[in-house]
PDB file of all heavy atoms in Angstrom:
ATOM      1  N   VAL A   1      -8.679 -34.007  64.688  1.00  0.00           N
ATOM      2  CA  VAL A   1      -7.943 -33.357  65.785  1.00  0.00           C
ATOM      3  C   VAL A   1      -8.849 -32.430  66.503  1.00  0.00           C
ATOM      4  O   VAL A   1      -8.940 -32.362  67.683  1.00  0.00           O
ATOM      5  CB  VAL A   1      -6.690 -32.592  65.179  1.00  0.00           C
ATOM      6  CG1 VAL A   1      -6.051 -31.695  66.271  1.00  0.00           C
ATOM      7  CG2 VAL A   1      -5.710 -33.594  64.586  1.00  0.00           C
ATOM      8  N   PHE A   2      -9.567 -31.566  65.681  1.00  0.00           N
ATOM      9  CA  PHE A   2     -10.416 -30.504  66.241  1.00  0.00           C
ATOM     10  C   PHE A   2     -11.459 -31.128  67.149  1.00  0.00           C
ATOM     11  O   PHE A   2     -11.587 -30.615  68.375  1.00  0.00           O
ATOM     12  CB  PHE A   2     -11.178 -29.720  65.127  1.00  0.00           C
ATOM     13  CG  PHE A   2     -12.063 -28.684  65.614  1.00  0.00           C
ATOM     14  CD1 PHE A   2     -11.638 -27.446  65.986  1.00  0.00           C
ATOM     15  CD2 PHE A   2     -13.448 -28.949  65.629  1.00  0.00           C
ATOM     16  CE1 PHE A   2     -12.518 -26.454  66.442  1.00  0.00           C
ATOM     17  CE2 PHE A   2     -14.357 -27.976  66.057  1.00  0.00           C
ATOM     18  CZ  PHE A   2     -13.835 -26.701  66.484  1.00  0.00           C
ATOM     19  N   PHE A   3     -12.116 -32.141  66.845  1.00  0.00           N
ATOM     20  CA  PHE A   3     -13.253 -32.688  67.648  1.00  0.00           C
ATOM     21  C   PHE A   3     -12.660 -33.575  68.713  1.00  0.00           C
ATOM     22  O   PHE A   3     -13.419 -33.867  69.721  1.00  0.00           O
ATOM     23  CB  PHE A   3     -14.252 -33.398  66.836  1.00  0.00           C
ATOM     24  CG  PHE A   3     -15.191 -32.375  66.178  1.00  0.00           C
ATOM     25  CD1 PHE A   3     -15.079 -32.026  64.830  1.00  0.00           C
ATOM     26  CD2 PHE A   3     -16.141 -31.738  66.945  1.00  0.00           C
ATOM     27  CE1 PHE A   3     -15.935 -31.138  64.190  1.00  0.00           C
ATOM     28  CE2 PHE A   3     -16.975 -30.713  66.353  1.00  0.00           C
ATOM     29  CZ  PHE A   3     -16.840 -30.454  65.034  1.00  0.00           C
ATOM     30  N   SER A   4     -11.413 -34.041  68.620  1.00  0.00           N
ATOM     31  CA  SER A   4     -10.854 -34.684  69.794  1.00  0.00           C
ATOM     32  C   SER A   4     -10.500 -33.765  70.926  1.00  0.00           C
ATOM     33  O   SER A   4     -10.375 -34.237  72.091  1.00  0.00           O
ATOM     34  CB  SER A   4      -9.564 -35.468  69.331  1.00  0.00           C
ATOM     35  OG  SER A   4      -9.875 -36.494  68.494  1.00  0.00           O
ATOM     36  N   TYR A   5     -10.316 -32.509  70.608  1.00  0.00           N
ATOM     37  CA  TYR A   5      -9.929 -31.555  71.673  1.00  0.00           C
ATOM     38  C   TYR A   5     -11.073 -30.549  72.007  1.00  0.00           C
ATOM     39  O   TYR A   5     -10.839 -29.707  72.809  1.00  0.00           O
ATOM     40  CB  TYR A   5      -8.637 -30.750  71.169  1.00  0.00           C
ATOM     41  CG  TYR A   5      -7.407 -31.553  71.318  1.00  0.00           C
ATOM     42  CD1 TYR A   5      -7.006 -32.382  70.276  1.00  0.00           C
ATOM     43  CD2 TYR A   5      -6.606 -31.497  72.496  1.00  0.00           C
ATOM     44  CE1 TYR A   5      -5.891 -33.164  70.405  1.00  0.00           C
ATOM     45  CE2 TYR A   5      -5.485 -32.248  72.579  1.00  0.00           C
ATOM     46  CZ  TYR A   5      -5.100 -33.096  71.634  1.00  0.00           C
ATOM     47  OH  TYR A   5      -3.955 -33.828  71.720  1.00  0.00           O
ATOM     48  N   THR A   6     -12.261 -30.774  71.435  1.00  0.00           N
ATOM     49  CA  THR A   6     -13.404 -29.943  71.848  1.00  0.00           C
ATOM     50  C   THR A   6     -14.217 -30.731  72.826  1.00  0.00           C
ATOM     51  O   THR A   6     -14.231 -31.968  72.827  1.00  0.00           O
ATOM     52  CB  THR A   6     -14.250 -29.480  70.634  1.00  0.00           C
ATOM     53  OG1 THR A   6     -14.495 -30.680  69.806  1.00  0.00           O
ATOM     54  CG2 THR A   6     -13.611 -28.402  69.895  1.00  0.00           C
ATOM     55  N   LYS A   7     -14.972 -30.017  73.661  1.00  0.00           N
ATOM     56  CA  LYS A   7     -15.884 -30.621  74.633  1.00  0.00           C
ATOM     57  C   LYS A   7     -17.070 -31.323  73.946  1.00  0.00           C
ATOM     58  O   LYS A   7     -17.420 -30.857  72.827  1.00  0.00           O
ATOM     59  CB  LYS A   7     -16.340 -29.564  75.603  1.00  0.00           C
ATOM     60  CG  LYS A   7     -15.294 -28.942  76.482  1.00  0.00           C
ATOM     61  CD  LYS A   7     -15.899 -27.940  77.381  1.00  0.00           C
ATOM     62  CE  LYS A   7     -14.761 -27.310  78.343  1.00  0.00           C
ATOM     63  NZ  LYS A   7     -15.343 -26.380  79.299  1.00  0.00           N
ATOM     64  N   PRO A   8     -17.668 -32.263  74.549  1.00  0.00           N
ATOM     65  CA  PRO A   8     -18.835 -32.935  73.940  1.00  0.00           C
ATOM     66  C   PRO A   8     -19.969 -31.976  73.573  1.00  0.00           C
ATOM     67  O   PRO A   8     -20.769 -32.276  72.708  1.00  0.00           O
ATOM     68  CB  PRO A   8     -19.229 -33.939  75.002  1.00  0.00           C
ATOM     69  CG  PRO A   8     -18.076 -34.175  75.863  1.00  0.00           C
ATOM     70  CD  PRO A   8     -17.345 -32.877  75.854  1.00  0.00           C
ATOM     71  N   GLU A   9     -19.989 -30.852  74.225  1.00  0.00           N
ATOM     72  CA  GLU A   9     -21.054 -29.847  73.979  1.00  0.00           C
ATOM     73  C   GLU A   9     -20.924 -29.113  72.623  1.00  0.00           C
ATOM     74  O   GLU A   9     -21.840 -28.571  72.119  1.00  0.00           O
ATOM     75  CB  GLU A   9     -21.140 -28.812  75.087  1.00  0.00           C
ATOM     76  CG  GLU A   9     -21.568 -29.308  76.433  1.00  0.00           C
ATOM     77  CD  GLU A   9     -20.421 -30.091  77.117  1.00  0.00           C
ATOM     78  OE1 GLU A   9     -19.254 -29.922  76.801  1.00  0.00           O
ATOM     79  OE2 GLU A   9     -20.753 -30.704  78.176  1.00  0.00           O
ATOM     80  N   VAL A  10     -19.684 -29.227  72.022  1.00  0.00           N
ATOM     81  CA  VAL A  10     -19.480 -28.623  70.725  1.00  0.00           C
ATOM     82  C   VAL A  10     -20.043 -29.483  69.640  1.00  0.00           C
ATOM     83  O   VAL A  10     -19.674 -30.619  69.448  1.00  0.00           O
ATOM     84  CB  VAL A  10     -17.963 -28.310  70.486  1.00  0.00           C
ATOM     85  CG1 VAL A  10     -17.821 -27.694  69.083  1.00  0.00           C
ATOM     86  CG2 VAL A  10     -17.435 -27.431  71.581  1.00  0.00           C
ATOM     87  N   VAL A  11     -21.065 -28.958  68.892  1.00  0.00           N
ATOM     88  CA  VAL A  11     -21.745 -29.709  67.875  1.00  0.00           C
ATOM     89  C   VAL A  11     -20.843 -30.049  66.669  1.00  0.00           C
ATOM     90  O   VAL A  11     -20.161 -29.140  66.179  1.00  0.00           O
ATOM     91  CB  VAL A  11     -23.014 -28.986  67.332  1.00  0.00           C
ATOM     92  CG1 VAL A  11     -23.737 -29.782  66.237  1.00  0.00           C
ATOM     93  CG2 VAL A  11     -23.947 -28.727  68.541  1.00  0.00           C
ATOM     94  N   MET A  12     -20.799 -31.309  66.315  1.00  0.00           N
ATOM     95  CA  MET A  12     -20.085 -31.715  65.116  1.00  0.00           C
ATOM     96  C   MET A  12     -21.124 -31.822  63.970  1.00  0.00           C
ATOM     97  O   MET A  12     -21.762 -32.741  63.771  1.00  0.00           O
ATOM     98  CB  MET A  12     -19.440 -33.095  65.315  1.00  0.00           C
ATOM     99  CG  MET A  12     -18.654 -33.650  64.149  1.00  0.00           C
ATOM    100  SD  MET A  12     -18.006 -35.284  64.396  1.00  0.00           S
ATOM    101  CE  MET A  12     -19.403 -36.259  63.927  1.00  0.00           C
ATOM    102  N   GLN A  13     -21.229 -30.752  63.231  1.00  0.00           N
ATOM    103  CA  GLN A  13     -22.198 -30.736  62.116  1.00  0.00           C
ATOM    104  C   GLN A  13     -21.561 -31.348  60.872  1.00  0.00           C
ATOM    105  O   GLN A  13     -20.986 -30.650  60.034  1.00  0.00           O
ATOM    106  CB  GLN A  13     -22.694 -29.337  61.789  1.00  0.00           C
ATOM    107  CG  GLN A  13     -23.975 -29.447  60.886  1.00  0.00           C
ATOM    108  CD  GLN A  13     -24.606 -28.089  60.469  1.00  0.00           C
ATOM    109  OE1 GLN A  13     -23.893 -27.270  59.782  1.00  0.00           O
ATOM    110  NE2 GLN A  13     -25.768 -27.848  60.969  1.00  0.00           N
ATOM    111  N   MET A  14     -21.656 -32.666  60.770  1.00  0.00           N
ATOM    112  CA  MET A  14     -21.181 -33.438  59.605  1.00  0.00           C
ATOM    113  C   MET A  14     -22.044 -32.881  58.400  1.00  0.00           C
ATOM    114  O   MET A  14     -23.218 -32.704  58.458  1.00  0.00           O
ATOM    115  CB  MET A  14     -21.272 -34.874  59.835  1.00  0.00           C
ATOM    116  CG  MET A  14     -21.007 -35.722  58.602  1.00  0.00           C
ATOM    117  SD  MET A  14     -19.405 -35.365  57.911  1.00  0.00           S
ATOM    118  CE  MET A  14     -18.303 -35.859  59.309  1.00  0.00           C
ATOM    119  N   ASP A  15     -21.312 -32.783  57.214  1.00  0.00           N
ATOM    120  CA  ASP A  15     -21.965 -32.644  55.932  1.00  0.00           C
ATOM    121  C   ASP A  15     -21.503 -33.813  55.124  1.00  0.00           C
ATOM    122  O   ASP A  15     -20.370 -33.935  54.751  1.00  0.00           O
ATOM    123  CB  ASP A  15     -21.509 -31.281  55.306  1.00  0.00           C
ATOM    124  CG  ASP A  15     -22.188 -31.075  53.942  1.00  0.00           C
ATOM    125  OD1 ASP A  15     -22.087 -31.906  53.070  1.00  0.00           O
ATOM    126  OD2 ASP A  15     -22.778 -29.944  53.852  1.00  0.00           O
ATOM    127  N   VAL A  16     -22.486 -34.739  54.955  1.00  0.00           N
ATOM    128  CA  VAL A  16     -22.110 -36.022  54.298  1.00  0.00           C
ATOM    129  C   VAL A  16     -21.453 -35.892  52.961  1.00  0.00           C
ATOM    130  O   VAL A  16     -20.402 -36.439  52.663  1.00  0.00           O
ATOM    131  CB  VAL A  16     -23.321 -36.945  54.214  1.00  0.00           C
ATOM    132  CG1 VAL A  16     -23.035 -38.248  53.588  1.00  0.00           C
ATOM    133  CG2 VAL A  16     -23.925 -37.188  55.583  1.00  0.00           C
ATOM    134  N   GLY A  17     -22.040 -35.071  52.098  1.00  0.00           N
ATOM    135  CA  GLY A  17     -21.507 -34.833  50.755  1.00  0.00           C
ATOM    136  C   GLY A  17     -20.159 -34.147  50.807  1.00  0.00           C
ATOM    137  O   GLY A  17     -19.255 -34.584  50.048  1.00  0.00           O
ATOM    138  N   ASN A  18     -19.972 -33.151  51.625  1.00  0.00           N
ATOM    139  CA  ASN A  18     -18.662 -32.423  51.732  1.00  0.00           C
ATOM    140  C   ASN A  18     -17.609 -33.327  52.202  1.00  0.00           C
ATOM    141  O   ASN A  18     -16.462 -33.279  51.692  1.00  0.00           O
ATOM    142  CB  ASN A  18     -18.820 -31.189  52.577  1.00  0.00           C
ATOM    143  CG  ASN A  18     -19.559 -30.057  52.005  1.00  0.00           C
ATOM    144  OD1 ASN A  18     -19.931 -30.099  50.852  1.00  0.00           O
ATOM    145  ND2 ASN A  18     -19.718 -29.023  52.791  1.00  0.00           N
ATOM    146  N   CYS A  19     -17.858 -34.185  53.162  1.00  0.00           N
ATOM    147  CA  CYS A  19     -16.916 -35.066  53.746  1.00  0.00           C
ATOM    148  C   CYS A  19     -16.449 -36.053  52.681  1.00  0.00           C
ATOM    149  O   CYS A  19     -15.247 -36.223  52.492  1.00  0.00           O
ATOM    150  CB  CYS A  19     -17.520 -35.808  54.921  1.00  0.00           C
ATOM    151  SG  CYS A  19     -16.336 -36.984  55.733  1.00  0.00           S
ATOM    152  N   LEU A  20     -17.368 -36.610  51.934  1.00  0.00           N
ATOM    153  CA  LEU A  20     -17.022 -37.573  50.907  1.00  0.00           C
ATOM    154  C   LEU A  20     -16.230 -36.875  49.832  1.00  0.00           C
ATOM    155  O   LEU A  20     -15.272 -37.435  49.248  1.00  0.00           O
ATOM    156  CB  LEU A  20     -18.226 -38.314  50.354  1.00  0.00           C
ATOM    157  CG  LEU A  20     -18.897 -39.268  51.307  1.00  0.00           C
ATOM    158  CD1 LEU A  20     -20.330 -39.637  50.822  1.00  0.00           C
ATOM    159  CD2 LEU A  20     -18.075 -40.546  51.468  1.00  0.00           C
ATOM    160  N   ALA A  21     -16.592 -35.713  49.477  1.00  0.00           N
ATOM    161  CA  ALA A  21     -15.857 -34.957  48.410  1.00  0.00           C
ATOM    162  C   ALA A  21     -14.421 -34.695  48.802  1.00  0.00           C
ATOM    163  O   ALA A  21     -13.569 -34.623  47.956  1.00  0.00           O
ATOM    164  CB  ALA A  21     -16.600 -33.661  48.133  1.00  0.00           C
ATOM    165  N   GLY A  22     -14.175 -34.589  50.068  1.00  0.00           N
ATOM    166  CA  GLY A  22     -12.773 -34.328  50.570  1.00  0.00           C
ATOM    167  C   GLY A  22     -12.033 -35.640  50.940  1.00  0.00           C
ATOM    168  O   GLY A  22     -10.934 -35.555  51.419  1.00  0.00           O
ATOM    169  N   GLY A  23     -12.584 -36.763  50.521  1.00  0.00           N
ATOM    170  CA  GLY A  23     -11.941 -38.077  50.752  1.00  0.00           C
ATOM    171  C   GLY A  23     -12.127 -38.554  52.134  1.00  0.00           C
ATOM    172  O   GLY A  23     -11.401 -39.547  52.571  1.00  0.00           O
ATOM    173  N   GLY A  24     -13.037 -37.962  52.935  1.00  0.00           N
ATOM    174  CA  GLY A  24     -13.287 -38.391  54.309  1.00  0.00           C
ATOM    175  C   GLY A  24     -14.311 -39.492  54.403  1.00  0.00           C
ATOM    176  O   GLY A  24     -14.894 -39.948  53.430  1.00  0.00           O
ATOM    177  N   ASP A  25     -14.525 -40.010  55.612  1.00  0.00           N
ATOM    178  CA  ASP A  25     -15.438 -41.114  55.877  1.00  0.00           C
ATOM    179  C   ASP A  25     -16.468 -40.631  56.892  1.00  0.00           C
ATOM    180  O   ASP A  25     -16.288 -40.599  58.089  1.00  0.00           O
ATOM    181  CB  ASP A  25     -14.701 -42.242  56.445  1.00  0.00           C
ATOM    182  CG  ASP A  25     -15.567 -43.480  56.657  1.00  0.00           C
ATOM    183  OD1 ASP A  25     -16.814 -43.307  56.771  1.00  0.00           O
ATOM    184  OD2 ASP A  25     -15.019 -44.603  56.782  1.00  0.00           O
ATOM    185  N   PRO A  26     -17.666 -40.137  56.403  1.00  0.00           N
ATOM    186  CA  PRO A  26     -18.664 -39.551  57.389  1.00  0.00           C
ATOM    187  C   PRO A  26     -19.202 -40.585  58.295  1.00  0.00           C
ATOM    188  O   PRO A  26     -19.530 -40.233  59.537  1.00  0.00           O
ATOM    189  CB  PRO A  26     -19.712 -39.027  56.432  1.00  0.00           C
ATOM    190  CG  PRO A  26     -19.562 -39.809  55.183  1.00  0.00           C
ATOM    191  CD  PRO A  26     -18.095 -40.073  55.032  1.00  0.00           C
ATOM    192  N   TYR A  27     -19.246 -41.827  57.859  1.00  0.00           N
ATOM    193  CA  TYR A  27     -19.798 -42.889  58.744  1.00  0.00           C
ATOM    194  C   TYR A  27     -18.906 -43.083  59.923  1.00  0.00           C
ATOM    195  O   TYR A  27     -19.346 -43.197  61.073  1.00  0.00           O
ATOM    196  CB  TYR A  27     -20.067 -44.175  57.971  1.00  0.00           C
ATOM    197  CG  TYR A  27     -20.529 -43.951  56.581  1.00  0.00           C
ATOM    198  CD1 TYR A  27     -19.700 -44.149  55.435  1.00  0.00           C
ATOM    199  CD2 TYR A  27     -21.903 -43.540  56.331  1.00  0.00           C
ATOM    200  CE1 TYR A  27     -20.212 -43.933  54.150  1.00  0.00           C
ATOM    201  CE2 TYR A  27     -22.310 -43.367  55.032  1.00  0.00           C
ATOM    202  CZ  TYR A  27     -21.453 -43.557  53.929  1.00  0.00           C
ATOM    203  OH  TYR A  27     -21.898 -43.355  52.650  1.00  0.00           O
ATOM    204  N   ALA A  28     -17.603 -43.188  59.657  1.00  0.00           N
ATOM    205  CA  ALA A  28     -16.597 -43.331  60.733  1.00  0.00           C
ATOM    206  C   ALA A  28     -16.545 -42.211  61.704  1.00  0.00           C
ATOM    207  O   ALA A  28     -16.371 -42.356  62.882  1.00  0.00           O
ATOM    208  CB  ALA A  28     -15.223 -43.556  60.121  1.00  0.00           C
ATOM    209  N   MET A  29     -16.768 -40.984  61.174  1.00  0.00           N
ATOM    210  CA  MET A  29     -16.688 -39.837  62.025  1.00  0.00           C
ATOM    211  C   MET A  29     -17.855 -39.785  62.972  1.00  0.00           C
ATOM    212  O   MET A  29     -17.762 -39.406  64.164  1.00  0.00           O
ATOM    213  CB  MET A  29     -16.655 -38.485  61.192  1.00  0.00           C
ATOM    214  CG  MET A  29     -15.397 -38.322  60.394  1.00  0.00           C
ATOM    215  SD  MET A  29     -13.872 -38.194  61.411  1.00  0.00           S
ATOM    216  CE  MET A  29     -13.250 -39.958  61.231  1.00  0.00           C
ATOM    217  N   ILE A  30     -19.029 -40.148  62.525  1.00  0.00           N
ATOM    218  CA  ILE A  30     -20.240 -40.154  63.414  1.00  0.00           C
ATOM    219  C   ILE A  30     -20.016 -41.192  64.531  1.00  0.00           C
ATOM    220  O   ILE A  30     -20.353 -40.967  65.704  1.00  0.00           O
ATOM    221  CB  ILE A  30     -21.534 -40.492  62.588  1.00  0.00           C
ATOM    222  CG1 ILE A  30     -21.805 -39.420  61.586  1.00  0.00           C
ATOM    223  CG2 ILE A  30     -22.692 -40.616  63.586  1.00  0.00           C
ATOM    224  CD1 ILE A  30     -22.886 -39.802  60.565  1.00  0.00           C
ATOM    225  N   GLU A  31     -19.404 -42.318  64.199  1.00  0.00           N
ATOM    226  CA  GLU A  31     -19.121 -43.430  65.146  1.00  0.00           C
ATOM    227  C   GLU A  31     -17.975 -42.914  66.129  1.00  0.00           C
ATOM    228  O   GLU A  31     -18.077 -43.256  67.268  1.00  0.00           O
ATOM    229  CB  GLU A  31     -18.640 -44.646  64.463  1.00  0.00           C
ATOM    230  CG  GLU A  31     -19.812 -45.476  63.787  1.00  0.00           C
ATOM    231  CD  GLU A  31     -19.290 -46.834  63.313  1.00  0.00           C
ATOM    232  OE1 GLU A  31     -18.705 -46.787  62.211  1.00  0.00           O
ATOM    233  OE2 GLU A  31     -19.439 -47.771  63.983  1.00  0.00           O
ATOM    234  N   MET A  32     -16.933 -42.259  65.595  1.00  0.00           N
ATOM    235  CA  MET A  32     -15.878 -41.933  66.436  1.00  0.00           C
ATOM    236  C   MET A  32     -16.182 -40.890  67.498  1.00  0.00           C
ATOM    237  O   MET A  32     -15.588 -40.930  68.551  1.00  0.00           O
ATOM    238  CB  MET A  32     -14.729 -41.305  65.499  1.00  0.00           C
ATOM    239  CG  MET A  32     -13.469 -40.973  66.292  1.00  0.00           C
ATOM    240  SD  MET A  32     -12.149 -40.325  65.176  1.00  0.00           S
ATOM    241  CE  MET A  32     -11.694 -41.896  64.289  1.00  0.00           C
ATOM    242  N   PHE A  33     -17.235 -39.991  67.206  1.00  0.00           N
ATOM    243  CA  PHE A  33     -17.560 -38.963  68.168  1.00  0.00           C
ATOM    244  C   PHE A  33     -19.080 -39.142  68.483  1.00  0.00           C
ATOM    245  O   PHE A  33     -19.868 -38.299  68.029  1.00  0.00           O
ATOM    246  CB  PHE A  33     -17.265 -37.624  67.556  1.00  0.00           C
ATOM    247  CG  PHE A  33     -15.821 -37.435  67.197  1.00  0.00           C
ATOM    248  CD1 PHE A  33     -15.371 -37.556  65.877  1.00  0.00           C
ATOM    249  CD2 PHE A  33     -14.921 -37.137  68.297  1.00  0.00           C
ATOM    250  CE1 PHE A  33     -14.052 -37.350  65.599  1.00  0.00           C
ATOM    251  CE2 PHE A  33     -13.548 -36.915  67.906  1.00  0.00           C
ATOM    252  CZ  PHE A  33     -13.060 -37.057  66.619  1.00  0.00           C
ATOM    253  N   PRO A  34     -19.410 -40.092  69.350  1.00  0.00           N
ATOM    254  CA  PRO A  34     -20.792 -40.401  69.672  1.00  0.00           C
ATOM    255  C   PRO A  34     -21.412 -39.209  70.406  1.00  0.00           C
ATOM    256  O   PRO A  34     -20.815 -38.438  71.172  1.00  0.00           O
ATOM    257  CB  PRO A  34     -20.702 -41.584  70.561  1.00  0.00           C
ATOM    258  CG  PRO A  34     -19.320 -41.581  71.103  1.00  0.00           C
ATOM    259  CD  PRO A  34     -18.467 -41.045  69.995  1.00  0.00           C
ATOM    260  N   GLY A  35     -22.707 -38.956  69.987  1.00  0.00           N
ATOM    261  CA  GLY A  35     -23.502 -37.874  70.696  1.00  0.00           C
ATOM    262  C   GLY A  35     -23.160 -36.464  70.145  1.00  0.00           C
ATOM    263  O   GLY A  35     -23.801 -35.544  70.629  1.00  0.00           O
ATOM    264  N   ARG A  36     -22.240 -36.380  69.176  1.00  0.00           N
ATOM    265  CA  ARG A  36     -21.815 -35.028  68.773  1.00  0.00           C
ATOM    266  C   ARG A  36     -22.583 -34.546  67.549  1.00  0.00           C
ATOM    267  O   ARG A  36     -22.519 -33.347  67.230  1.00  0.00           O
ATOM    268  CB  ARG A  36     -20.305 -35.086  68.436  1.00  0.00           C
ATOM    269  CG  ARG A  36     -19.380 -35.577  69.499  1.00  0.00           C
ATOM    270  CD  ARG A  36     -19.354 -34.638  70.747  1.00  0.00           C
ATOM    271  NE  ARG A  36     -18.676 -33.356  70.418  1.00  0.00           N
ATOM    272  CZ  ARG A  36     -17.364 -33.119  70.381  1.00  0.00           C
ATOM    273  NH1 ARG A  36     -16.527 -34.143  70.725  1.00  0.00           N
ATOM    274  NH2 ARG A  36     -16.922 -32.020  70.160  1.00  0.00           N
ATOM    275  N   SER A  37     -23.302 -35.389  66.850  1.00  0.00           N
ATOM    276  CA  SER A  37     -23.969 -35.031  65.581  1.00  0.00           C
ATOM    277  C   SER A  37     -25.404 -34.553  65.874  1.00  0.00           C
ATOM    278  O   SER A  37     -26.387 -35.069  65.230  1.00  0.00           O
ATOM    279  CB  SER A  37     -23.961 -36.276  64.612  1.00  0.00           C
ATOM    280  OG  SER A  37     -22.697 -36.614  64.325  1.00  0.00           O
ATOM    281  N   LYS A  38     -25.522 -33.519  66.635  1.00  0.00           N
ATOM    282  CA  LYS A  38     -26.820 -33.043  67.008  1.00  0.00           C
ATOM    283  C   LYS A  38     -27.632 -32.570  65.847  1.00  0.00           C
ATOM    284  O   LYS A  38     -28.856 -32.695  65.766  1.00  0.00           O
ATOM    285  CB  LYS A  38     -26.747 -32.003  68.151  1.00  0.00           C
ATOM    286  CG  LYS A  38     -26.369 -32.583  69.465  1.00  0.00           C
ATOM    287  CD  LYS A  38     -26.359 -31.558  70.528  1.00  0.00           C
ATOM    288  CE  LYS A  38     -26.247 -32.208  71.886  1.00  0.00           C
ATOM    289  NZ  LYS A  38     -24.939 -33.071  72.009  1.00  0.00           N
ATOM    290  N   THR A  39     -26.915 -31.936  64.864  1.00  0.00           N
ATOM    291  CA  THR A  39     -27.546 -31.587  63.582  1.00  0.00           C
ATOM    292  C   THR A  39     -26.560 -32.100  62.539  1.00  0.00           C
ATOM    293  O   THR A  39     -25.298 -32.028  62.686  1.00  0.00           O
ATOM    294  CB  THR A  39     -27.819 -30.070  63.393  1.00  0.00           C
ATOM    295  OG1 THR A  39     -26.572 -29.446  63.297  1.00  0.00           O
ATOM    296  CG2 THR A  39     -28.627 -29.528  64.570  1.00  0.00           C
ATOM    297  N   ILE A  40     -27.108 -32.532  61.384  1.00  0.00           N
ATOM    298  CA  ILE A  40     -26.273 -33.120  60.373  1.00  0.00           C
ATOM    299  C   ILE A  40     -26.792 -32.688  59.011  1.00  0.00           C
ATOM    300  O   ILE A  40     -28.045 -32.685  58.817  1.00  0.00           O
ATOM    301  CB  ILE A  40     -26.165 -34.648  60.443  1.00  0.00           C
ATOM    302  CG1 ILE A  40     -25.227 -35.237  59.381  1.00  0.00           C
ATOM    303  CG2 ILE A  40     -27.569 -35.320  60.446  1.00  0.00           C
ATOM    304  CD1 ILE A  40     -24.943 -36.711  59.562  1.00  0.00           C
ATOM    305  N   HIS A  41     -25.916 -32.392  58.112  1.00  0.00           N
ATOM    306  CA  HIS A  41     -26.371 -32.014  56.755  1.00  0.00           C
ATOM    307  C   HIS A  41     -26.373 -33.210  55.870  1.00  0.00           C
ATOM    308  O   HIS A  41     -25.450 -33.897  55.714  1.00  0.00           O
ATOM    309  CB  HIS A  41     -25.395 -30.988  56.140  1.00  0.00           C
ATOM    310  CG  HIS A  41     -25.660 -29.573  56.499  1.00  0.00           C
ATOM    311  ND1 HIS A  41     -25.450 -28.492  55.618  1.00  0.00           N
ATOM    312  CD2 HIS A  41     -26.322 -29.011  57.558  1.00  0.00           C
ATOM    313  CE1 HIS A  41     -25.883 -27.363  56.169  1.00  0.00           C
ATOM    314  NE2 HIS A  41     -26.424 -27.668  57.326  1.00  0.00           N
ATOM    315  N   LEU A  42     -27.611 -33.369  55.319  1.00  0.00           N
ATOM    316  CA  LEU A  42     -27.863 -34.475  54.352  1.00  0.00           C
ATOM    317  C   LEU A  42     -27.623 -33.903  52.932  1.00  0.00           C
ATOM    318  O   LEU A  42     -28.400 -33.084  52.459  1.00  0.00           O
ATOM    319  CB  LEU A  42     -29.179 -35.054  54.414  1.00  0.00           C
ATOM    320  CG  LEU A  42     -29.668 -35.485  55.877  1.00  0.00           C
ATOM    321  CD1 LEU A  42     -31.053 -36.079  55.803  1.00  0.00           C
ATOM    322  CD2 LEU A  42     -28.700 -36.466  56.460  1.00  0.00           C
ATOM    323  N   LYS A  43     -26.514 -34.291  52.308  1.00  0.00           N
ATOM    324  CA  LYS A  43     -26.142 -33.833  50.966  1.00  0.00           C
ATOM    325  C   LYS A  43     -25.683 -35.041  50.175  1.00  0.00           C
ATOM    326  O   LYS A  43     -24.852 -35.792  50.668  1.00  0.00           O
ATOM    327  CB  LYS A  43     -25.108 -32.691  50.996  1.00  0.00           C
ATOM    328  CG  LYS A  43     -24.750 -32.154  49.686  1.00  0.00           C
ATOM    329  CD  LYS A  43     -23.539 -31.159  49.808  1.00  0.00           C
ATOM    330  CE  LYS A  43     -23.927 -29.998  50.645  1.00  0.00           C
ATOM    331  NZ  LYS A  43     -22.777 -29.106  50.955  1.00  0.00           N
TER     332      LYS A  43
END
C-alpha cells in the first residue's frame, strides 16, 4: 500500500532477510515496483 501511493522518487529499501522473516516475498516486491530499489539491504 505504502509504495503504491508514494512517488517513484521515494526509495524502496528492501531488506531481503527482514522481508522473508515477516512472510513477505522480496523478489516479487522488487518486480512490482520497478526502479524503486536504489539501495537494498543484503541480509
